[in-house]
Amino acid sequence: MNETLGAVVTVAALAVGLLCLVAAIRNRPPDLSQFVGAALVEVAALVLTVVAVVAMIGGDRPTEVGTFVGYLFTFLALPPVGIALARLEPTRWGSVILTVAMLVMPVLVARLNQIWEATGA
């Protein structure tokens, strides 16, 4: 899997997560900048996913393909679900929802890298 794209997703998600956390601490509901930031994280996640799928089609694949694909679906679904839930909660808790979603993205990137690089024992 492409580590550079993984780093881009990680940094972007952490930056948006920090923005959302500051809003939550200030007792502010999510605003347009948070939603746009989460959407940009989703675009970066889509690019990473396309690169991973192309690599898998090309023959370079993880040992546990099913597990990898499951994590990939979660990785792709998390930002849109976070955005939807945050829009449903127009209080500071909407900002908290986006914070948590953005802080989980780097964990998923790390887990995807672990699965990709694992060797069969």
PDB file of N, CA and C in Angstrom:
ATOM      1  N   MET A   1       0.842  -1.177   0.000  1.00  0.00           N
ATOM      2  CA  MET A   1       0.000   0.000   0.000  1.00  0.00           C
ATOM      3  C   MET A   1       0.887   1.239   0.000  1.00  0.00           C
ATOM      4  N   ASN A   2       0.395   2.305  -0.538  1.00  0.00           N
ATOM      5  CA  ASN A   2       1.176   3.524  -0.689  1.00  0.00           C
ATOM      6  C   ASN A   2       1.282   4.266   0.646  1.00  0.00           C
ATOM      7  N   GLU A   3       2.488   4.302   1.201  1.00  0.00           N
ATOM      8  CA  GLU A   3       2.688   4.934   2.508  1.00  0.00           C
ATOM      9  C   GLU A   3       2.586   6.455   2.446  1.00  0.00           C
ATOM     10  N   THR A   4       2.941   7.054   1.310  1.00  0.00           N
ATOM     11  CA  THR A   4       2.836   8.504   1.172  1.00  0.00           C
ATOM     12  C   THR A   4       1.381   8.946   1.233  1.00  0.00           C
ATOM     13  N   LEU A   5       0.518   8.251   0.505  1.00  0.00           N
ATOM     14  CA  LEU A   5      -0.909   8.581   0.550  1.00  0.00           C
ATOM     15  C   LEU A   5      -1.485   8.318   1.934  1.00  0.00           C
ATOM     16  N   GLY A   6      -1.015   7.270   2.581  1.00  0.00           N
ATOM     17  CA  GLY A   6      -1.450   7.001   3.951  1.00  0.00           C
ATOM     18  C   GLY A   6      -1.070   8.132   4.886  1.00  0.00           C
ATOM     19  N   ALA A   7       0.120   8.684   4.687  1.00  0.00           N
ATOM     20  CA  ALA A   7       0.556   9.815   5.515  1.00  0.00           C
ATOM     21  C   ALA A   7      -0.281  11.057   5.231  1.00  0.00           C
ATOM     22  N   VAL A   8      -0.650  11.260   3.977  1.00  0.00           N
ATOM     23  CA  VAL A   8      -1.496  12.409   3.621  1.00  0.00           C
ATOM     24  C   VAL A   8      -2.852  12.295   4.308  1.00  0.00           C
ATOM     25  N   VAL A   9      -3.449  11.102   4.248  1.00  0.00           N
ATOM     26  CA  VAL A   9      -4.747  10.891   4.899  1.00  0.00           C
ATOM     27  C   VAL A   9      -4.613  11.104   6.405  1.00  0.00           C
ATOM     28  N   THR A  10      -3.549  10.583   6.991  1.00  0.00           N
ATOM     29  CA  THR A  10      -3.341  10.701   8.432  1.00  0.00           C
ATOM     30  C   THR A  10      -3.211  12.159   8.858  1.00  0.00           C
ATOM     31  N   VAL A  11      -2.366  12.911   8.166  1.00  0.00           N
ATOM     32  CA  VAL A  11      -2.150  14.320   8.529  1.00  0.00           C
ATOM     33  C   VAL A  11      -3.428  15.128   8.319  1.00  0.00           C
ATOM     34  N   ALA A  12      -4.106  14.897   7.203  1.00  0.00           N
ATOM     35  CA  ALA A  12      -5.345  15.633   6.935  1.00  0.00           C
ATOM     36  C   ALA A  12      -6.406  15.326   7.989  1.00  0.00           C
ATOM     37  N   ALA A  13      -6.556  14.045   8.326  1.00  0.00           N
ATOM     38  CA  ALA A  13      -7.561  13.666   9.325  1.00  0.00           C
ATOM     39  C   ALA A  13      -7.225  14.246  10.693  1.00  0.00           C
ATOM     40  N   LEU A  14      -5.952  14.241  11.065  1.00  0.00           N
ATOM     41  CA  LEU A  14      -5.569  14.816  12.353  1.00  0.00           C
ATOM     42  C   LEU A  14      -5.798  16.327  12.379  1.00  0.00           C
ATOM     43  N   ALA A  15      -5.531  17.005  11.262  1.00  0.00           N
ATOM     44  CA  ALA A  15      -5.757  18.454  11.205  1.00  0.00           C
ATOM     45  C   ALA A  15      -7.245  18.775  11.330  1.00  0.00           C
ATOM     46  N   VAL A  16      -8.076  18.038  10.607  1.00  0.00           N
ATOM     47  CA  VAL A  16      -9.523  18.269  10.689  1.00  0.00           C
ATOM     48  C   VAL A  16     -10.026  17.880  12.079  1.00  0.00           C
ATOM     49  N   GLY A  17      -9.491  16.801  12.628  1.00  0.00           N
ATOM     50  CA  GLY A  17      -9.874  16.392  13.970  1.00  0.00           C
ATOM     51  C   GLY A  17      -9.548  17.462  15.002  1.00  0.00           C
ATOM     52  N   LEU A  18      -8.397  18.099  14.852  1.00  0.00           N
ATOM     53  CA  LEU A  18      -8.021  19.183  15.763  1.00  0.00           C
ATOM     54  C   LEU A  18      -8.971  20.376  15.617  1.00  0.00           C
ATOM     55  N   LEU A  19      -9.314  20.714  14.374  1.00  0.00           N
ATOM     56  CA  LEU A  19     -10.273  21.795  14.126  1.00  0.00           C
ATOM     57  C   LEU A  19     -11.615  21.493  14.796  1.00  0.00           C
ATOM     58  N   CYS A  20     -12.066  20.261  14.658  1.00  0.00           N
ATOM     59  CA  CYS A  20     -13.343  19.855  15.262  1.00  0.00           C
ATOM     60  C   CYS A  20     -13.255  19.855  16.790  1.00  0.00           C
ATOM     61  N   LEU A  21     -12.128  19.419  17.319  1.00  0.00           N
ATOM     62  CA  LEU A  21     -11.945  19.394  18.767  1.00  0.00           C
ATOM     63  C   LEU A  21     -11.987  20.807  19.347  1.00  0.00           C
ATOM     64  N   VAL A  22     -11.339  21.733  18.678  1.00  0.00           N
ATOM     65  CA  VAL A  22     -11.359  23.128  19.143  1.00  0.00           C
ATOM     66  C   VAL A  22     -12.796  23.651  19.149  1.00  0.00           C
ATOM     67  N   ALA A  23     -13.558  23.334  18.129  1.00  0.00           N
ATOM     68  CA  ALA A  23     -14.960  23.769  18.081  1.00  0.00           C
ATOM     69  C   ALA A  23     -15.760  23.138  19.218  1.00  0.00           C
ATOM     70  N   ALA A  24     -15.507  21.873  19.487  1.00  0.00           N
ATOM     71  CA  ALA A  24     -16.234  21.206  20.572  1.00  0.00           C
ATOM     72  C   ALA A  24     -15.880  21.817  21.926  1.00  0.00           C
ATOM     73  N   ILE A  25     -14.611  22.105  22.141  1.00  0.00           N
ATOM     74  CA  ILE A  25     -14.184  22.719  23.400  1.00  0.00           C
ATOM     75  C   ILE A  25     -14.799  24.106  23.551  1.00  0.00           C
ATOM     76  N   ARG A  26     -14.954  24.809  22.440  1.00  0.00           N
ATOM     77  CA  ARG A  26     -15.554  26.157  22.465  1.00  0.00           C
ATOM     78  C   ARG A  26     -17.078  26.099  22.493  1.00  0.00           C
ATOM     79  N   ASN A  27     -17.624  24.884  22.595  1.00  0.00           N
ATOM     80  CA  ASN A  27     -19.072  24.674  22.672  1.00  0.00           C
ATOM     81  C   ASN A  27     -19.777  25.140  21.398  1.00  0.00           C
ATOM     82  N   ARG A  28     -19.156  24.844  20.245  1.00  0.00           N
ATOM     83  CA  ARG A  28     -19.691  25.262  18.953  1.00  0.00           C
ATOM     84  C   ARG A  28     -20.179  24.045  18.163  1.00  0.00           C
ATOM     85  N   PRO A  29     -21.265  24.200  17.424  1.00  0.00           N
ATOM     86  CA  PRO A  29     -21.711  23.118  16.544  1.00  0.00           C
ATOM     87  C   PRO A  29     -20.791  23.018  15.330  1.00  0.00           C
ATOM     88  N   PRO A  30     -20.863  21.918  14.601  1.00  0.00           N
ATOM     89  CA  PRO A  30     -20.027  21.811  13.402  1.00  0.00           C
ATOM     90  C   PRO A  30     -20.405  22.888  12.391  1.00  0.00           C
ATOM     91  N   ASP A  31     -19.395  23.409  11.720  1.00  0.00           N
ATOM     92  CA  ASP A  31     -19.651  24.416  10.697  1.00  0.00           C
ATOM     93  C   ASP A  31     -19.158  23.908   9.345  1.00  0.00           C
ATOM     94  N   LEU A  32     -19.298  24.749   8.348  1.00  0.00           N
ATOM     95  CA  LEU A  32     -18.968  24.365   6.983  1.00  0.00           C
ATOM     96  C   LEU A  32     -17.507  23.941   6.844  1.00  0.00           C
ATOM     97  N   SER A  33     -16.597  24.613   7.540  1.00  0.00           N
ATOM     98  CA  SER A  33     -15.177  24.266   7.416  1.00  0.00           C
ATOM     99  C   SER A  33     -14.905  22.839   7.890  1.00  0.00           C
ATOM    100  N   GLN A  34     -15.603  22.411   8.928  1.00  0.00           N
ATOM    101  CA  GLN A  34     -15.417  21.042   9.412  1.00  0.00           C
ATOM    102  C   GLN A  34     -15.953  20.027   8.398  1.00  0.00           C
ATOM    103  N   PHE A  35     -17.105  20.326   7.824  1.00  0.00           N
ATOM    104  CA  PHE A  35     -17.682  19.415   6.844  1.00  0.00           C
ATOM    105  C   PHE A  35     -16.829  19.339   5.575  1.00  0.00           C
ATOM    106  N   VAL A  36     -16.315  20.493   5.149  1.00  0.00           N
ATOM    107  CA  VAL A  36     -15.440  20.506   3.970  1.00  0.00           C
ATOM    108  C   VAL A  36     -14.150  19.752   4.265  1.00  0.00           C
ATOM    109  N   GLY A  37     -13.589  19.947   5.449  1.00  0.00           N
ATOM    110  CA  GLY A  37     -12.378  19.225   5.823  1.00  0.00           C
ATOM    111  C   GLY A  37     -12.596  17.725   5.844  1.00  0.00           C
ATOM    112  N   ALA A  38     -13.707  17.286   6.418  1.00  0.00           N
ATOM    113  CA  ALA A  38     -14.016  15.853   6.442  1.00  0.00           C
ATOM    114  C   ALA A  38     -14.227  15.325   5.025  1.00  0.00           C
ATOM    115  N   ALA A  39     -14.829  16.121   4.162  1.00  0.00           N
ATOM    116  CA  ALA A  39     -15.018  15.703   2.766  1.00  0.00           C
ATOM    117  C   ALA A  39     -13.673  15.571   2.054  1.00  0.00           C
ATOM    118  N   LEU A  40     -12.737  16.469   2.348  1.00  0.00           N
ATOM    119  CA  LEU A  40     -11.403  16.364   1.757  1.00  0.00           C
ATOM    120  C   LEU A  40     -10.667  15.119   2.255  1.00  0.00           C
ATOM    121  N   VAL A  41     -10.860  14.786   3.512  1.00  0.00           N
ATOM    122  CA  VAL A  41     -10.282  13.546   4.037  1.00  0.00           C
ATOM    123  C   VAL A  41     -10.874  12.354   3.292  1.00  0.00           C
ATOM    124  N   GLU A  42     -12.164  12.397   3.017  1.00  0.00           N
ATOM    125  CA  GLU A  42     -12.806  11.318   2.261  1.00  0.00           C
ATOM    126  C   GLU A  42     -12.236  11.208   0.846  1.00  0.00           C
ATOM    127  N   VAL A  43     -11.978  12.336   0.208  1.00  0.00           N
ATOM    128  CA  VAL A  43     -11.376  12.312  -1.131  1.00  0.00           C
ATOM    129  C   VAL A  43      -9.997  11.666  -1.077  1.00  0.00           C
ATOM    130  N   ALA A  44      -9.204  12.028  -0.085  1.00  0.00           N
ATOM    131  CA  ALA A  44      -7.880  11.412   0.074  1.00  0.00           C
ATOM    132  C   ALA A  44      -8.009   9.915   0.346  1.00  0.00           C
ATOM    133  N   ALA A  45      -9.011   9.523   1.132  1.00  0.00           N
ATOM    134  CA  ALA A  45      -9.242   8.104   1.403  1.00  0.00           C
ATOM    135  C   ALA A  45      -9.650   7.368   0.125  1.00  0.00           C
ATOM    136  N   LEU A  46     -10.450   8.013  -0.709  1.00  0.00           N
ATOM    137  CA  LEU A  46     -10.832   7.403  -1.982  1.00  0.00           C
ATOM    138  C   LEU A  46      -9.616   7.189  -2.881  1.00  0.00           C
ATOM    139  N   VAL A  47      -8.723   8.172  -2.933  1.00  0.00           N
ATOM    140  CA  VAL A  47      -7.509   8.036  -3.743  1.00  0.00           C
ATOM    141  C   VAL A  47      -6.670   6.871  -3.228  1.00  0.00           C
ATOM    142  N   LEU A  48      -6.501   6.783  -1.914  1.00  0.00           N
ATOM    143  CA  LEU A  48      -5.731   5.688  -1.328  1.00  0.00           C
ATOM    144  C   LEU A  48      -6.388   4.346  -1.632  1.00  0.00           C
ATOM    145  N   THR A  49      -7.693   4.298  -1.578  1.00  0.00           N
ATOM    146  CA  THR A  49      -8.413   3.060  -1.866  1.00  0.00           C
ATOM    147  C   THR A  49      -8.232   2.638  -3.319  1.00  0.00           C
ATOM    148  N   VAL A  50      -8.333   3.597  -4.232  1.00  0.00           N
ATOM    149  CA  VAL A  50      -8.152   3.271  -5.652  1.00  0.00           C
ATOM    150  C   VAL A  50      -6.746   2.731  -5.891  1.00  0.00           C
ATOM    151  N   VAL A  51      -5.754   3.356  -5.291  1.00  0.00           N
ATOM    152  CA  VAL A  51      -4.375   2.880  -5.440  1.00  0.00           C
ATOM    153  C   VAL A  51      -4.231   1.459  -4.890  1.00  0.00           C
ATOM    154  N   ALA A  52      -4.827   1.182  -3.749  1.00  0.00           N
ATOM    155  CA  ALA A  52      -4.747  -0.154  -3.152  1.00  0.00           C
ATOM    156  C   ALA A  52      -5.458  -1.191  -4.015  1.00  0.00           C
ATOM    157  N   VAL A  53      -6.634  -0.842  -4.549  1.00  0.00           N
ATOM    158  CA  VAL A  53      -7.380  -1.781  -5.391  1.00  0.00           C
ATOM    159  C   VAL A  53      -6.626  -2.055  -6.691  1.00  0.00           C
ATOM    160  N   VAL A  54      -6.043  -1.022  -7.278  1.00  0.00           N
ATOM    161  CA  VAL A  54      -5.248  -1.214  -8.490  1.00  0.00           C
ATOM    162  C   VAL A  54      -4.058  -2.124  -8.202  1.00  0.00           C
ATOM    163  N   ALA A  55      -3.407  -1.940  -7.067  1.00  0.00           N
ATOM    164  CA  ALA A  55      -2.275  -2.801  -6.691  1.00  0.00           C
ATOM    165  C   ALA A  55      -2.747  -4.245  -6.498  1.00  0.00           C
ATOM    166  N   MET A  56      -3.927  -4.426  -5.902  1.00  0.00           N
ATOM    167  CA  MET A  56      -4.444  -5.782  -5.704  1.00  0.00           C
ATOM    168  C   MET A  56      -4.787  -6.432  -7.039  1.00  0.00           C
ATOM    169  N   ILE A  57      -5.353  -5.674  -7.958  1.00  0.00           N
ATOM    170  CA  ILE A  57      -5.651  -6.209  -9.290  1.00  0.00           C
ATOM    171  C   ILE A  57      -4.361  -6.569 -10.003  1.00  0.00           C
ATOM    172  N   GLY A  58      -3.316  -5.799  -9.767  1.00  0.00           N
ATOM    173  CA  GLY A  58      -2.016  -6.056 -10.379  1.00  0.00           C
ATOM    174  C   GLY A  58      -1.265  -7.235  -9.770  1.00  0.00           C
ATOM    175  N   GLY A  59      -1.808  -7.835  -8.716  1.00  0.00           N
ATOM    176  CA  GLY A  59      -1.178  -9.019  -8.142  1.00  0.00           C
ATOM    177  C   GLY A  59      -0.497  -8.793  -6.807  1.00  0.00           C
ATOM    178  N   ASP A  60      -0.272  -7.546  -6.424  1.00  0.00           N
ATOM    179  CA  ASP A  60       0.339  -7.246  -5.124  1.00  0.00           C
ATOM    180  C   ASP A  60      -0.789  -7.113  -4.113  1.00  0.00           C
ATOM    181  N   ARG A  61      -0.947  -8.122  -3.261  1.00  0.00           N
ATOM    182  CA  ARG A  61      -2.083  -8.090  -2.338  1.00  0.00           C
ATOM    183  C   ARG A  61      -1.676  -8.588  -0.965  1.00  0.00           C
ATOM    184  N   PRO A  62      -2.470  -8.205   0.030  1.00  0.00           N
ATOM    185  CA  PRO A  62      -2.189  -8.668   1.392  1.00  0.00           C
ATOM    186  C   PRO A  62      -2.530 -10.148   1.540  1.00  0.00           C
ATOM    187  N   THR A  63      -2.002 -10.752   2.598  1.00  0.00           N
ATOM    188  CA  THR A  63      -2.285 -12.161   2.865  1.00  0.00           C
ATOM    189  C   THR A  63      -3.759 -12.356   3.186  1.00  0.00           C
ATOM    190  N   GLU A  64      -4.316 -11.495   4.002  1.00  0.00           N
ATOM    191  CA  GLU A  64      -5.721 -11.568   4.404  1.00  0.00           C
ATOM    192  C   GLU A  64      -6.545 -10.566   3.589  1.00  0.00           C
ATOM    193  N   VAL A  65      -6.916 -10.948   2.394  1.00  0.00           N
ATOM    194  CA  VAL A  65      -7.633 -10.037   1.508  1.00  0.00           C
ATOM    195  C   VAL A  65      -8.998  -9.659   2.091  1.00  0.00           C
ATOM    196  N   GLY A  66      -9.720 -10.609   2.648  1.00  0.00           N
ATOM    197  CA  GLY A  66     -11.039 -10.337   3.212  1.00  0.00           C
ATOM    198  C   GLY A  66     -10.986  -9.329   4.344  1.00  0.00           C
ATOM    199  N   THR A  67     -10.032  -9.496   5.231  1.00  0.00           N
ATOM    200  CA  THR A  67      -9.869  -8.562   6.343  1.00  0.00           C
ATOM    201  C   THR A  67      -9.513  -7.176   5.823  1.00  0.00           C
ATOM    202  N   PHE A  68      -8.618  -7.135   4.848  1.00  0.00           N
ATOM    203  CA  PHE A  68      -8.207  -5.863   4.264  1.00  0.00           C
ATOM    204  C   PHE A  68      -9.397  -5.144   3.631  1.00  0.00           C
ATOM    205  N   VAL A  69     -10.191  -5.862   2.869  1.00  0.00           N
ATOM    206  CA  VAL A  69     -11.354  -5.260   2.208  1.00  0.00           C
ATOM    207  C   VAL A  69     -12.368  -4.772   3.242  1.00  0.00           C
ATOM    208  N   GLY A  70     -12.561  -5.526   4.317  1.00  0.00           N
ATOM    209  CA  GLY A  70     -13.461  -5.080   5.386  1.00  0.00           C
ATOM    210  C   GLY A  70     -13.004  -3.776   6.016  1.00  0.00           C
ATOM    211  N   TYR A  71     -11.716  -3.679   6.313  1.00  0.00           N
ATOM    212  CA  TYR A  71     -11.175  -2.433   6.852  1.00  0.00           C
ATOM    213  C   TYR A  71     -11.283  -1.302   5.830  1.00  0.00           C
ATOM    214  N   LEU A  72     -11.098  -1.635   4.552  1.00  0.00           N
ATOM    215  CA  LEU A  72     -11.194  -0.632   3.500  1.00  0.00           C
ATOM    216  C   LEU A  72     -12.604  -0.059   3.405  1.00  0.00           C
ATOM    217  N   PHE A  73     -13.627  -0.914   3.523  1.00  0.00           N
ATOM    218  CA  PHE A  73     -15.010  -0.431   3.517  1.00  0.00           C
ATOM    219  C   PHE A  73     -15.269   0.492   4.713  1.00  0.00           C
ATOM    220  N   THR A  74     -14.779   0.107   5.871  1.00  0.00           N
ATOM    221  CA  THR A  74     -14.936   0.950   7.058  1.00  0.00           C
ATOM    222  C   THR A  74     -14.215   2.278   6.866  1.00  0.00           C
ATOM    223  N   PHE A  75     -13.016   2.213   6.310  1.00  0.00           N
ATOM    224  CA  PHE A  75     -12.195   3.389   6.039  1.00  0.00           C
ATOM    225  C   PHE A  75     -12.932   4.365   5.121  1.00  0.00           C
ATOM    226  N   LEU A  76     -13.613   3.833   4.104  1.00  0.00           N
ATOM    227  CA  LEU A  76     -14.340   4.685   3.170  1.00  0.00           C
ATOM    228  C   LEU A  76     -15.654   5.204   3.749  1.00  0.00           C
ATOM    229  N   ALA A  77     -16.292   4.420   4.591  1.00  0.00           N
ATOM    230  CA  ALA A  77     -17.611   4.789   5.113  1.00  0.00           C
ATOM    231  C   ALA A  77     -17.540   5.773   6.281  1.00  0.00           C
ATOM    232  N   LEU A  78     -16.442   5.780   7.013  1.00  0.00           N
ATOM    233  CA  LEU A  78     -16.379   6.570   8.241  1.00  0.00           C
ATOM    234  C   LEU A  78     -16.592   8.081   8.049  1.00  0.00           C
ATOM    235  N   PRO A  79     -15.893   8.757   7.132  1.00  0.00           N
ATOM    236  CA  PRO A  79     -16.140  10.200   6.993  1.00  0.00           C
ATOM    237  C   PRO A  79     -17.583  10.554   6.593  1.00  0.00           C
ATOM    238  N   PRO A  80     -18.187   9.883   5.603  1.00  0.00           N
ATOM    239  CA  PRO A  80     -19.570  10.244   5.278  1.00  0.00           C
ATOM    240  C   PRO A  80     -20.550   9.968   6.421  1.00  0.00           C
ATOM    241  N   VAL A  81     -20.345   8.883   7.140  1.00  0.00           N
ATOM    242  CA  VAL A  81     -21.217   8.583   8.280  1.00  0.00           C
ATOM    243  C   VAL A  81     -21.010   9.630   9.375  1.00  0.00           C
ATOM    244  N   GLY A  82     -19.765  10.012   9.621  1.00  0.00           N
ATOM    245  CA  GLY A  82     -19.488  11.059  10.608  1.00  0.00           C
ATOM    246  C   GLY A  82     -20.126  12.380  10.230  1.00  0.00           C
ATOM    247  N   ILE A  83     -20.050  12.726   8.949  1.00  0.00           N
ATOM    248  CA  ILE A  83     -20.672  13.966   8.481  1.00  0.00           C
ATOM    249  C   ILE A  83     -22.184  13.896   8.670  1.00  0.00           C
ATOM    250  N   ALA A  84     -22.790  12.782   8.287  1.00  0.00           N
ATOM    251  CA  ALA A  84     -24.243  12.639   8.411  1.00  0.00           C
ATOM    252  C   ALA A  84     -24.685  12.736   9.868  1.00  0.00           C
ATOM    253  N   LEU A  85     -23.983  12.045  10.757  1.00  0.00           N
ATOM    254  CA  LEU A  85     -24.353  12.092  12.171  1.00  0.00           C
ATOM    255  C   LEU A  85     -24.128  13.480  12.771  1.00  0.00           C
ATOM    256  N   ALA A  86     -23.061  14.143  12.355  1.00  0.00           N
ATOM    257  CA  ALA A  86     -22.788  15.488  12.862  1.00  0.00           C
ATOM    258  C   ALA A  86     -23.848  16.486  12.383  1.00  0.00           C
ATOM    259  N   ARG A  87     -24.339  16.298  11.176  1.00  0.00           N
ATOM    260  CA  ARG A  87     -25.406  17.180  10.679  1.00  0.00           C
ATOM    261  C   ARG A  87     -26.708  16.942  11.440  1.00  0.00           C
ATOM    262  N   LEU A  88     -26.916  15.722  11.901  1.00  0.00           N
ATOM    263  CA  LEU A  88     -28.118  15.422  12.678  1.00  0.00           C
ATOM    264  C   LEU A  88     -28.041  15.973  14.099  1.00  0.00           C
ATOM    265  N   GLU A  89     -26.840  16.289  14.554  1.00  0.00           N
ATOM    266  CA  GLU A  89     -26.635  16.772  15.925  1.00  0.00           C
ATOM    267  C   GLU A  89     -26.052  18.179  15.874  1.00  0.00           C
ATOM    268  N   PRO A  90     -26.909  19.208  15.736  1.00  0.00           N
ATOM    269  CA  PRO A  90     -26.410  20.580  15.564  1.00  0.00           C
ATOM    270  C   PRO A  90     -26.024  21.256  16.883  1.00  0.00           C
ATOM    271  N   THR A  91     -25.309  20.531  17.724  1.00  0.00           N
ATOM    272  CA  THR A  91     -24.792  21.080  18.974  1.00  0.00           C
ATOM    273  C   THR A  91     -23.293  20.800  19.008  1.00  0.00           C
ATOM    274  N   ARG A  92     -22.674  21.090  20.132  1.00  0.00           N
ATOM    275  CA  ARG A  92     -21.239  20.805  20.254  1.00  0.00           C
ATOM    276  C   ARG A  92     -20.945  19.326  20.044  1.00  0.00           C
ATOM    277  N   TRP A  93     -21.944  18.467  20.309  1.00  0.00           N
ATOM    278  CA  TRP A  93     -21.729  17.030  20.169  1.00  0.00           C
ATOM    279  C   TRP A  93     -21.556  16.621  18.713  1.00  0.00           C
ATOM    280  N   GLY A  94     -22.086  17.416  17.798  1.00  0.00           N
ATOM    281  CA  GLY A  94     -21.804  17.177  16.385  1.00  0.00           C
ATOM    282  C   GLY A  94     -20.324  17.352  16.085  1.00  0.00           C
ATOM    283  N   SER A  95     -19.718  18.352  16.707  1.00  0.00           N
ATOM    284  CA  SER A  95     -18.272  18.555  16.550  1.00  0.00           C
ATOM    285  C   SER A  95     -17.491  17.404  17.185  1.00  0.00           C
ATOM    286  N   VAL A  96     -18.003  16.896  18.295  1.00  0.00           N
ATOM    287  CA  VAL A  96     -17.352  15.749  18.940  1.00  0.00           C
ATOM    288  C   VAL A  96     -17.430  14.519  18.036  1.00  0.00           C
ATOM    289  N   ILE A  97     -18.575  14.309  17.403  1.00  0.00           N
ATOM    290  CA  ILE A  97     -18.730  13.178  16.485  1.00  0.00           C
ATOM    291  C   ILE A  97     -17.697  13.254  15.368  1.00  0.00           C
ATOM    292  N   LEU A  98     -17.549  14.426  14.763  1.00  0.00           N
ATOM    293  CA  LEU A  98     -16.555  14.577  13.701  1.00  0.00           C
ATOM    294  C   LEU A  98     -15.132  14.421  14.232  1.00  0.00           C
ATOM    295  N   THR A  99     -14.882  14.884  15.451  1.00  0.00           N
ATOM    296  CA  THR A  99     -13.555  14.708  16.054  1.00  0.00           C
ATOM    297  C   THR A  99     -13.210  13.233  16.156  1.00  0.00           C
ATOM    298  N   VAL A 100     -14.133  12.470  16.690  1.00  0.00           N
ATOM    299  CA  VAL A 100     -13.884  11.032  16.859  1.00  0.00           C
ATOM    300  C   VAL A 100     -13.697  10.355  15.509  1.00  0.00           C
ATOM    301  N   ALA A 101     -14.546  10.688  14.541  1.00  0.00           N
ATOM    302  CA  ALA A 101     -14.416  10.081  13.215  1.00  0.00           C
ATOM    303  C   ALA A 101     -13.054  10.382  12.601  1.00  0.00           C
ATOM    304  N   MET A 102     -12.612  11.627  12.728  1.00  0.00           N
ATOM    305  CA  MET A 102     -11.323  12.002  12.149  1.00  0.00           C
ATOM    306  C   MET A 102     -10.149  11.375  12.908  1.00  0.00           C
ATOM    307  N   LEU A 103     -10.292  11.171  14.214  1.00  0.00           N
ATOM    308  CA  LEU A 103      -9.207  10.544  14.976  1.00  0.00           C
ATOM    309  C   LEU A 103      -9.130   9.036  14.748  1.00  0.00           C
ATOM    310  N   VAL A 104     -10.204   8.441  14.279  1.00  0.00           N
ATOM    311  CA  VAL A 104     -10.188   7.004  13.969  1.00  0.00           C
ATOM    312  C   VAL A 104      -9.529   6.750  12.607  1.00  0.00           C
ATOM    313  N   MET A 105      -9.587   7.715  11.713  1.00  0.00           N
ATOM    314  CA  MET A 105      -9.011   7.524  10.372  1.00  0.00           C
ATOM    315  C   MET A 105      -7.523   7.152  10.394  1.00  0.00           C
ATOM    316  N   PRO A 106      -6.663   7.833  11.169  1.00  0.00           N
ATOM    317  CA  PRO A 106      -5.262   7.406  11.205  1.00  0.00           C
ATOM    318  C   PRO A 106      -5.081   5.992  11.752  1.00  0.00           C
ATOM    319  N   VAL A 107      -5.939   5.599  12.677  1.00  0.00           N
ATOM    320  CA  VAL A 107      -5.877   4.234  13.209  1.00  0.00           C
ATOM    321  C   VAL A 107      -6.195   3.237  12.097  1.00  0.00           C
ATOM    322  N   LEU A 108      -7.187   3.552  11.286  1.00  0.00           N
ATOM    323  CA  LEU A 108      -7.526   2.667  10.173  1.00  0.00           C
ATOM    324  C   LEU A 108      -6.411   2.623   9.130  1.00  0.00           C
ATOM    325  N   VAL A 109      -5.766   3.752   8.882  1.00  0.00           N
ATOM    326  CA  VAL A 109      -4.629   3.764   7.956  1.00  0.00           C
ATOM    327  C   VAL A 109      -3.526   2.853   8.483  1.00  0.00           C
ATOM    328  N   ALA A 110      -3.225   2.967   9.768  1.00  0.00           N
ATOM    329  CA  ALA A 110      -2.181   2.121  10.366  1.00  0.00           C
ATOM    330  C   ALA A 110      -2.557   0.652  10.273  1.00  0.00           C
ATOM    331  N   ARG A 111      -3.813   0.342  10.544  1.00  0.00           N
ATOM    332  CA  ARG A 111      -4.260  -1.055  10.485  1.00  0.00           C
ATOM    333  C   ARG A 111      -4.225  -1.586   9.054  1.00  0.00           C
ATOM    334  N   LEU A 112      -4.628  -0.768   8.090  1.00  0.00           N
ATOM    335  CA  LEU A 112      -4.543  -1.188   6.686  1.00  0.00           C
ATOM    336  C   LEU A 112      -3.100  -1.472   6.294  1.00  0.00           C
ATOM    337  N   ASN A 113      -2.173  -0.624   6.740  1.00  0.00           N
ATOM    338  CA  ASN A 113      -0.749  -0.870   6.458  1.00  0.00           C
ATOM    339  C   ASN A 113      -0.264  -2.158   7.106  1.00  0.00           C
ATOM    340  N   GLN A 114      -0.696  -2.417   8.340  1.00  0.00           N
ATOM    341  CA  GLN A 114      -0.299  -3.651   9.021  1.00  0.00           C
ATOM    342  C   GLN A 114      -0.796  -4.879   8.271  1.00  0.00           C
ATOM    343  N   ILE A 115      -2.036  -4.843   7.851  1.00  0.00           N
ATOM    344  CA  ILE A 115      -2.599  -5.992   7.129  1.00  0.00           C
ATOM    345  C   ILE A 115      -1.904  -6.165   5.791  1.00  0.00           C
ATOM    346  N   TRP A 116      -1.628  -5.065   5.107  1.00  0.00           N
ATOM    347  CA  TRP A 116      -0.992  -5.144   3.794  1.00  0.00           C
ATOM    348  C   TRP A 116       0.407  -5.736   3.899  1.00  0.00           C
ATOM    349  N   GLU A 117       1.151  -5.336   4.928  1.00  0.00           N
ATOM    350  CA  GLU A 117       2.537  -5.757   5.052  1.00  0.00           C
ATOM    351  C   GLU A 117       2.719  -7.082   5.778  1.00  0.00           C
ATOM    352  N   ALA A 118       1.639  -7.629   6.351  1.00  0.00           N
ATOM    353  CA  ALA A 118       1.751  -8.887   7.084  1.00  0.00           C
ATOM    354  C   ALA A 118       2.107 -10.032   6.155  1.00  0.00           C
ATOM    355  N   THR A 119       2.869 -10.951   6.673  1.00  0.00           N
ATOM    356  CA  THR A 119       3.198 -12.137   5.902  1.00  0.00           C
ATOM    357  C   THR A 119       2.513 -13.339   6.529  1.00  0.00           C
ATOM    358  N   GLY A 120       2.159 -14.271   5.715  1.00  0.00           N
ATOM    359  CA  GLY A 120       1.515 -15.488   6.230  1.00  0.00           C
ATOM    360  C   GLY A 120       2.484 -16.297   7.071  1.00  0.00           C
ATOM    361  N   ALA A 121       2.045 -16.731   8.231  1.00  0.00           N
ATOM    362  CA  ALA A 121       2.929 -17.478   9.134  1.00  0.00           C
ATOM    363  C   ALA A 121       2.790 -18.964   8.951  1.00  0.00           C
TER     364      ALA A 121
END
